[in-house]
Amino acid sequence: MSFLIPMAYADTAAAGTPPGGEFIQFALLGGFLVVFYLMVWRPQSKRAKDHRNLIGGLQKGDEVVTSGGVAGKVTKVSDEFIMVEVADNIELRFQKQAVVAALPKGTLKAI
């Protein structure tokens, strides 16, 4: 039956990678890693660093917004939690990690 199907022989000269092909593959991989670092890793680490600084610098009297959208004035700060006054005589307890932004002084009175 082999006379119906011709034998396929691989041409070793044509089957190899073109000259410099390995360098192009490594260059593309390196370029991909650089783009990944610049577009994903670096901005995310900068955002995390800014959030750590925000949480570490919370003090009594700061005006903050939480991840749930609640805005208020910090009345008490402990290691893990803060007390936020959202209205007269109404205080809520939040984890420090829930704070997403600090507002400029006087923003709550303007709202």
Protein backbone atom coordinates (compact mmCIF):
# COMPACT_ATOMS: atom_id res chain seq x y z
CA MET A 1 0.00 0.00 0.00
CA SER A 2 2.93 2.36 0.38
CA PHE A 3 3.02 2.97 -3.38
CA LEU A 4 -0.26 4.98 -3.07
CA ILE A 5 1.08 7.36 -0.45
CA PRO A 6 4.43 8.91 -1.20
CA MET A 7 6.94 9.11 1.61
CA ALA A 8 7.40 12.57 3.14
CA TYR A 9 10.97 13.53 3.82
CA ALA A 10 11.75 16.48 6.03
CA ASP A 11 14.15 18.96 4.56
CA THR A 12 16.53 19.67 7.42
CA ALA A 13 17.75 22.95 5.94
CA ALA A 14 14.27 24.42 5.56
CA ALA A 15 12.86 23.05 8.83
CA GLY A 16 15.30 24.92 11.10
CA THR A 17 14.67 28.36 12.47
CA PRO A 18 15.88 31.27 10.38
CA PRO A 19 19.19 32.85 11.35
CA GLY A 20 18.73 35.05 14.42
CA GLY A 21 15.32 33.53 15.20
CA GLU A 22 16.26 32.72 18.77
CA PHE A 23 17.21 36.33 19.40
CA ILE A 24 13.87 37.57 18.06
CA GLN A 25 12.00 35.19 20.37
CA PHE A 26 13.91 36.39 23.42
CA ALA A 27 13.48 40.02 22.36
CA LEU A 28 9.71 39.56 22.08
CA LEU A 29 9.58 37.84 25.47
CA GLY A 30 11.66 40.62 27.03
CA GLY A 31 9.46 43.27 25.42
CA PHE A 32 6.36 41.57 26.76
CA LEU A 33 7.82 41.52 30.27
CA VAL A 34 8.73 45.21 30.09
CA VAL A 35 5.22 46.15 28.92
CA PHE A 36 3.68 43.97 31.65
CA TYR A 37 5.85 45.68 34.30
CA LEU A 38 5.07 49.19 33.09
CA MET A 39 1.34 48.71 32.57
CA VAL A 40 0.35 46.33 35.38
CA TRP A 41 2.88 45.76 38.12
CA ARG A 42 4.24 49.27 38.68
CA PRO A 43 0.90 51.14 38.84
CA GLN A 44 -0.58 48.51 41.15
CA SER A 45 2.34 48.68 43.57
CA LYS A 46 2.18 52.50 43.53
CA ARG A 47 -1.55 52.38 44.31
CA ALA A 48 -0.94 49.93 47.19
CA LYS A 49 1.84 52.12 48.59
CA ASP A 50 -0.40 55.23 48.47
CA HIS A 51 -3.20 53.32 50.25
CA ARG A 52 -0.79 52.13 52.99
CA ASN A 53 0.36 55.74 53.51
CA LEU A 54 -3.25 56.94 53.66
CA ILE A 55 -4.22 54.37 56.27
CA GLY A 56 -1.05 54.92 58.29
CA GLY A 57 -1.63 58.67 58.42
CA LEU A 58 -5.26 58.65 59.59
CA GLN A 59 -5.84 60.98 62.54
CA LYS A 60 -8.72 62.26 64.57
CA GLY A 61 -10.52 65.01 62.66
CA ASP A 62 -9.70 63.74 59.16
CA GLU A 63 -12.58 63.60 56.70
CA VAL A 64 -12.70 60.29 54.82
CA VAL A 65 -14.74 58.25 52.35
CA THR A 66 -15.08 54.49 52.81
CA SER A 67 -15.33 51.80 50.15
CA GLY A 68 -19.08 51.69 50.74
CA GLY A 69 -19.41 55.39 49.89
CA VAL A 70 -19.93 56.59 53.45
CA ALA A 71 -18.35 59.99 54.11
CA GLY A 72 -17.61 61.25 57.60
CA LYS A 73 -15.16 62.65 60.11
CA VAL A 74 -12.78 60.37 62.02
CA THR A 75 -13.41 60.61 65.78
CA LYS A 76 -11.28 57.76 67.09
CA VAL A 77 -8.39 55.75 65.67
CA SER A 78 -7.20 52.36 66.96
CA ASP A 79 -4.92 49.70 65.51
CA GLU A 80 -7.46 48.00 63.25
CA PHE A 81 -10.59 50.17 63.40
CA ILE A 82 -11.67 53.79 63.19
CA MET A 83 -14.83 55.51 64.40
CA VAL A 84 -16.40 57.77 61.79
CA GLU A 85 -19.03 60.35 62.65
CA VAL A 86 -21.48 60.41 59.73
CA ALA A 87 -24.08 62.72 61.32
CA ASP A 88 -24.62 64.46 64.66
CA ASN A 89 -24.20 61.85 67.42
CA ILE A 90 -24.09 58.97 64.89
CA GLU A 91 -20.79 57.12 64.75
CA LEU A 92 -19.95 54.03 62.73
CA ARG A 93 -17.02 51.70 63.20
CA PHE A 94 -15.00 50.74 60.11
CA GLN A 95 -11.87 48.77 59.46
CA LYS A 96 -9.02 51.00 58.41
CA GLN A 97 -8.75 49.08 55.15
CA ALA A 98 -12.24 50.30 54.18
CA VAL A 99 -11.03 53.89 53.83
CA VAL A 100 -10.43 54.69 50.16
CA ALA A 101 -9.87 58.45 50.20
CA ALA A 102 -9.19 61.37 52.50
CA LEU A 103 -11.17 64.52 51.78
CA PRO A 104 -9.92 68.09 52.17
CA LYS A 105 -10.96 69.80 55.40
CA GLY A 106 -14.42 71.35 55.21
CA THR A 107 -15.70 69.13 52.41
CA LEU A 108 -18.43 67.56 54.57
CA LYS A 109 -19.87 70.96 55.52
CA ALA A 110 -20.04 71.90 51.85
CA ILE A 111 -22.06 68.80 50.97
